[in-house]
C-alpha atoms as a PDB file:
ATOM      1  CA  MET A   1     -32.329  -5.530   0.784  1.00  0.00           C
ATOM      2  CA  ILE A   2     -34.221  -2.461  -0.455  1.00  0.00           C
ATOM      3  CA  VAL A   3     -31.740  -0.138   1.242  1.00  0.00           C
ATOM      4  CA  VAL A   4     -28.838  -2.004  -0.388  1.00  0.00           C
ATOM      5  CA  MET A   5     -30.479  -1.770  -3.828  1.00  0.00           C
ATOM      6  CA  ALA A   6     -31.212   1.944  -3.367  1.00  0.00           C
ATOM      7  CA  ALA A   7     -27.603   2.542  -2.373  1.00  0.00           C
ATOM      8  CA  LEU A   8     -26.431   0.592  -5.412  1.00  0.00           C
ATOM      9  CA  VAL A   9     -28.620   2.598  -7.797  1.00  0.00           C
ATOM     10  CA  THR A  10     -27.448   5.848  -6.207  1.00  0.00           C
ATOM     11  CA  ARG A  11     -23.843   4.731  -6.473  1.00  0.00           C
ATOM     12  CA  ILE A  12     -24.175   3.674 -10.104  1.00  0.00           C
ATOM     13  CA  CYS A  13     -26.284   6.515 -11.406  1.00  0.00           C
ATOM     14  CA  GLY A  14     -25.626   9.192  -8.830  1.00  0.00           C
ATOM     15  CA  ASP A  15     -22.210  10.761  -9.058  1.00  0.00           C
ATOM     16  CA  SER A  16     -20.240   8.028 -10.795  1.00  0.00           C
ATOM     17  CA  ALA A  17     -18.294  10.486 -12.929  1.00  0.00           C
ATOM     18  CA  ALA A  18     -16.743  12.013  -9.815  1.00  0.00           C
ATOM     19  CA  ARG A  19     -15.466   8.630  -8.639  1.00  0.00           C
ATOM     20  CA  ALA A  20     -14.454   7.364 -12.052  1.00  0.00           C
ATOM     21  CA  ALA A  21     -10.825   6.927 -12.867  1.00  0.00           C
ATOM     22  CA  THR A  22      -9.440   9.685 -15.039  1.00  0.00           C
ATOM     23  CA  THR A  23      -6.002   8.173 -15.474  1.00  0.00           C
ATOM     24  CA  GLU A  24      -7.095   5.169 -17.514  1.00  0.00           C
ATOM     25  CA  ARG A  25      -7.788   4.711 -21.207  1.00  0.00           C
ATOM     26  CA  VAL A  26     -11.312   3.521 -20.406  1.00  0.00           C
ATOM     27  CA  VAL A  27     -13.268   5.207 -17.634  1.00  0.00           C
ATOM     28  CA  ALA A  28     -13.871   2.751 -14.778  1.00  0.00           C
ATOM     29  CA  ASP A  29     -14.928   3.040 -11.169  1.00  0.00           C
ATOM     30  CA  ARG A  30     -11.795   2.930  -9.006  1.00  0.00           C
ATOM     31  CA  ILE A  31     -13.440   0.724  -6.407  1.00  0.00           C
ATOM     32  CA  THR A  32     -15.415  -1.787  -8.480  1.00  0.00           C
ATOM     33  CA  GLY A  33     -13.505  -1.733 -11.771  1.00  0.00           C
ATOM     34  CA  LEU A  34     -16.836  -1.393 -13.581  1.00  0.00           C
ATOM     35  CA  ALA A  35     -16.991   0.479 -16.844  1.00  0.00           C
ATOM     36  CA  ILE A  36     -19.705   3.114 -17.257  1.00  0.00           C
ATOM     37  CA  GLY A  37     -21.068   2.582 -13.775  1.00  0.00           C
ATOM     38  CA  GLY A  38     -22.215  -0.952 -14.493  1.00  0.00           C
ATOM     39  CA  ALA A  39     -24.606   0.173 -17.221  1.00  0.00           C
ATOM     40  CA  ASP A  40     -25.129  -2.180 -20.171  1.00  0.00           C
ATOM     41  CA  PRO A  41     -23.525  -0.429 -23.182  1.00  0.00           C
ATOM     42  CA  VAL A  42     -25.632  -2.387 -25.684  1.00  0.00           C
ATOM     43  CA  ALA A  43     -28.901  -1.398 -23.996  1.00  0.00           C
ATOM     44  CA  PHE A  44     -28.332   2.245 -24.952  1.00  0.00           C
ATOM     45  CA  PHE A  45     -28.810   1.072 -28.546  1.00  0.00           C
ATOM     46  CA  THR A  46     -31.521  -1.539 -28.030  1.00  0.00           C
ATOM     47  CA  LYS A  47     -33.626   0.122 -25.310  1.00  0.00           C
ATOM     48  CA  GLY A  48     -32.733   3.759 -25.754  1.00  0.00           C
ATOM     49  CA  ARG A  49     -32.056   4.242 -22.059  1.00  0.00           C
ATOM     50  CA  THR A  50     -29.539   3.579 -19.326  1.00  0.00           C
ATOM     51  CA  THR A  51     -30.005   0.011 -18.118  1.00  0.00           C
ATOM     52  CA  ILE A  52     -27.974  -1.437 -15.267  1.00  0.00           C
ATOM     53  CA  GLY A  53     -26.267  -4.708 -16.147  1.00  0.00           C
ATOM     54  CA  ARG A  54     -26.372  -7.827 -14.007  1.00  0.00           C
ATOM     55  CA  PRO A  55     -23.406  -8.973 -11.901  1.00  0.00           C
ATOM     56  CA  ASP A  56     -23.805 -12.508 -13.262  1.00  0.00           C
ATOM     57  CA  VAL A  57     -23.482 -11.324 -16.889  1.00  0.00           C
ATOM     58  CA  GLU A  58     -20.066  -9.678 -17.103  1.00  0.00           C
ATOM     59  CA  ALA A  59     -17.130  -9.540 -19.472  1.00  0.00           C
ATOM     60  CA  SER A  60     -13.643  -8.117 -19.300  1.00  0.00           C
ATOM     61  CA  GLU A  61     -12.596  -5.927 -22.203  1.00  0.00           C
ATOM     62  CA  ALA A  62      -9.990  -3.166 -22.466  1.00  0.00           C
ATOM     63  CA  GLY A  63      -8.896  -3.789 -18.875  1.00  0.00           C
ATOM     64  CA  VAL A  64     -12.271  -3.075 -17.280  1.00  0.00           C
ATOM     65  CA  ILE A  65     -15.366  -5.039 -16.332  1.00  0.00           C
ATOM     66  CA  TRP A  66     -18.534  -4.516 -18.356  1.00  0.00           C
ATOM     67  CA  ARG A  67     -21.967  -5.614 -17.197  1.00  0.00           C
ATOM     68  CA  PHE A  68     -24.901  -6.590 -19.376  1.00  0.00           C
ATOM     69  CA  GLU A  69     -28.613  -7.080 -19.001  1.00  0.00           C
ATOM     70  CA  ASN A  70     -28.477 -10.448 -20.785  1.00  0.00           C
ATOM     71  CA  VAL A  71     -26.067 -12.845 -22.513  1.00  0.00           C
ATOM     72  CA  ASP A  72     -27.077 -11.681 -25.995  1.00  0.00           C
ATOM     73  CA  ASN A  73     -25.995  -8.121 -25.203  1.00  0.00           C
ATOM     74  CA  ARG A  74     -22.709  -9.457 -23.864  1.00  0.00           C
ATOM     75  CA  ALA A  75     -22.158 -11.425 -27.090  1.00  0.00           C
ATOM     76  CA  PHE A  76     -22.948  -8.377 -29.259  1.00  0.00           C
ATOM     77  CA  PHE A  77     -20.536  -6.246 -27.249  1.00  0.00           C
ATOM     78  CA  LEU A  78     -17.701  -8.764 -27.315  1.00  0.00           C
ATOM     79  CA  ALA A  79     -18.102  -9.170 -31.087  1.00  0.00           C
ATOM     80  CA  HIS A  80     -17.962  -5.374 -31.633  1.00  0.00           C
ATOM     81  CA  PRO A  81     -16.693  -3.399 -28.624  1.00  0.00           C
ATOM     82  CA  GLU A  82     -15.653  -0.587 -30.975  1.00  0.00           C
ATOM     83  CA  ILE A  83     -19.318  -0.080 -31.855  1.00  0.00           C
ATOM     84  CA  TYR A  84     -21.050  -0.637 -28.522  1.00  0.00           C
ATOM     85  CA  GLY A  85     -18.427   0.733 -26.158  1.00  0.00           C
ATOM     86  CA  PRO A  86     -18.520   4.461 -25.484  1.00  0.00           C
ATOM     87  CA  GLN A  87     -16.275   6.454 -27.779  1.00  0.00           C
ATOM     88  CA  PHE A  88     -13.136   8.088 -26.392  1.00  0.00           C
ATOM     89  CA  GLY A  89     -13.058   5.451 -23.658  1.00  0.00           C
ATOM     90  CA  GLY A  90     -16.127   6.950 -21.996  1.00  0.00           C
ATOM     91  CA  TYR A  91     -14.603  10.414 -21.631  1.00  0.00           C
ATOM     92  CA  ASP A  92     -16.750  13.428 -22.445  1.00  0.00           C
ATOM     93  CA  PRO A  93     -16.097  14.291 -26.132  1.00  0.00           C
ATOM     94  CA  VAL A  94     -16.682  18.006 -25.519  1.00  0.00           C
ATOM     95  CA  ASP A  95     -13.890  17.989 -22.952  1.00  0.00           C
ATOM     96  CA  VAL A  96     -11.710  15.752 -25.142  1.00  0.00           C
ATOM     97  CA  ALA A  97     -12.100  18.404 -27.868  1.00  0.00           C
ATOM     98  CA  ARG A  98     -10.614  20.861 -25.364  1.00  0.00           C
ATOM     99  CA  GLY A  99      -7.766  18.479 -24.560  1.00  0.00           C
ATOM    100  CA  VAL A 100      -9.109  17.375 -21.155  1.00  0.00           C
ATOM    101  CA  ALA A 101      -9.969  13.854 -19.965  1.00  0.00           C
ATOM    102  CA  TYR A 102     -13.209  14.271 -18.000  1.00  0.00           C
ATOM    103  CA  ALA A 103     -15.152  11.116 -17.221  1.00  0.00           C
ATOM    104  CA  GLY A 104     -18.531  10.683 -18.850  1.00  0.00           C
ATOM    105  CA  ASN A 105     -21.583   9.617 -16.879  1.00  0.00           C
ATOM    106  CA  PRO A 106     -24.133   7.066 -18.146  1.00  0.00           C
ATOM    107  CA  ARG A 107     -26.932   9.459 -17.138  1.00  0.00           C
ATOM    108  CA  PHE A 108     -25.809  11.876 -19.866  1.00  0.00           C
ATOM    109  CA  TRP A 109     -25.488  10.032 -23.134  1.00  0.00           C
ATOM    110  CA  LEU A 110     -26.231  10.306 -26.821  1.00  0.00           C
ATOM    111  CA  ILE A 111     -25.936   8.063 -29.847  1.00  0.00           C
ATOM    112  CA  ALA A 112     -24.641   9.875 -32.922  1.00  0.00           C
ATOM    113  CA  GLY A 113     -23.441   8.237 -36.112  1.00  0.00           C
ATOM    114  CA  GLN A 114     -24.276   4.837 -34.600  1.00  0.00           C
ATOM    115  CA  ARG A 115     -21.781   5.371 -31.774  1.00  0.00           C
ATOM    116  CA  LEU A 116     -22.297   5.901 -28.044  1.00  0.00           C
ATOM    117  CA  TYR A 117     -21.005   9.048 -26.355  1.00  0.00           C
ATOM    118  CA  LEU A 118     -21.070   9.761 -22.620  1.00  0.00           C
ATOM    119  CA  PHE A 119     -20.916  13.247 -21.155  1.00  0.00           C
ATOM    120  CA  GLY A 120     -19.885  14.571 -17.783  1.00  0.00           C
ATOM    121  CA  ARG A 121     -22.640  17.163 -17.697  1.00  0.00           C
ATOM    122  CA  GLU A 122     -25.986  17.757 -19.348  1.00  0.00           C
ATOM    123  CA  GLU A 123     -24.631  21.011 -20.809  1.00  0.00           C
ATOM    124  CA  SER A 124     -21.875  19.113 -22.600  1.00  0.00           C
ATOM    125  CA  ARG A 125     -24.403  16.717 -24.107  1.00  0.00           C
ATOM    126  CA  ASP A 126     -26.491  19.644 -25.333  1.00  0.00           C
ATOM    127  CA  ALA A 127     -23.453  21.392 -26.834  1.00  0.00           C
ATOM    128  CA  PHE A 128     -22.470  18.182 -28.606  1.00  0.00           C
ATOM    129  CA  ALA A 129     -26.016  17.646 -29.932  1.00  0.00           C
ATOM    130  CA  ALA A 130     -26.035  21.162 -31.370  1.00  0.00           C
ATOM    131  CA  ASP A 131     -22.941  20.528 -33.540  1.00  0.00           C
ATOM    132  CA  PRO A 132     -21.613  16.953 -33.314  1.00  0.00           C
ATOM    133  CA  ALA A 133     -19.461  17.217 -36.458  1.00  0.00           C
ATOM    134  CA  SER A 134     -17.481  20.162 -35.112  1.00  0.00           C
ATOM    135  CA  VAL A 135     -16.995  18.636 -31.662  1.00  0.00           C
ATOM    136  CA  LEU A 136     -15.998  15.270 -33.102  1.00  0.00           C
ATOM    137  CA  ARG A 137     -13.496  16.842 -35.502  1.00  0.00           C
ATOM    138  CA  GLU A 138     -11.712  18.527 -32.588  1.00  0.00           C
ATOM    139  CA  ALA A 139     -12.045  15.528 -30.271  1.00  0.00           C
ATOM    140  CA  ARG A 140     -10.657  13.090 -32.866  1.00  0.00           C
ATOM    141  CA  ASP A 141      -7.710  15.417 -33.490  1.00  0.00           C
ATOM    142  CA  ARG A 142      -6.884  15.668 -29.790  1.00  0.00           C
ATOM    143  CA  TRP A 143      -7.740  12.124 -28.653  1.00  0.00           C
ATOM    144  CA  PRO A 144      -4.531  10.335 -29.747  1.00  0.00           C
ATOM    145  CA  GLN A 145      -2.307  12.715 -27.789  1.00  0.00           C
ATOM    146  CA  LEU A 146      -4.656  12.762 -24.808  1.00  0.00           C
ATOM    147  CA  GLU A 147      -4.965   8.987 -24.841  1.00  0.00           C
ATOM    148  CA  GLU A 148      -1.186   8.672 -24.624  1.00  0.00           C
ATOM    149  CA  THR A 149      -1.195  10.649 -21.367  1.00  0.00           C
ATOM    150  CA  LEU A 150      -3.604   8.153 -19.804  1.00  0.00           C
ATOM    151  CA  ALA A 151      -2.288   5.023 -18.079  1.00  0.00           C
ATOM    152  CA  ARG A 152      -2.087   1.830 -20.091  1.00  0.00           C
END
């Protein structure tokens, strides 16, 4: 059981960005269909850290499966997925600003302007934190065209 749990944590938090789909509007693991590696998107706001959701507390939204730590977080998310879900479908906003869809990783995250952003690399998160307004201006300009190139 411990080995299985360790493998699960490694799978979820390890290199999930590399296995994430990059041809979908919302980043999801190709094998499990889980958004953001099974992390609870609401917990980033309430706990200030990456928290793995439970398999028995799931919801389907935007064509992917989201997991939550508890039913309250699931209810908050379903009422406002535009707030609690990662912006740009979970793609790295620094890369979106460059016109590239690179999957974010729940290990590298930041809340700015009361929105969740995931990054593919620590360096991207740091660049975003240094000048979020500039990055977001470029990313918002490029996102509609980039989003259209992703599968529906």
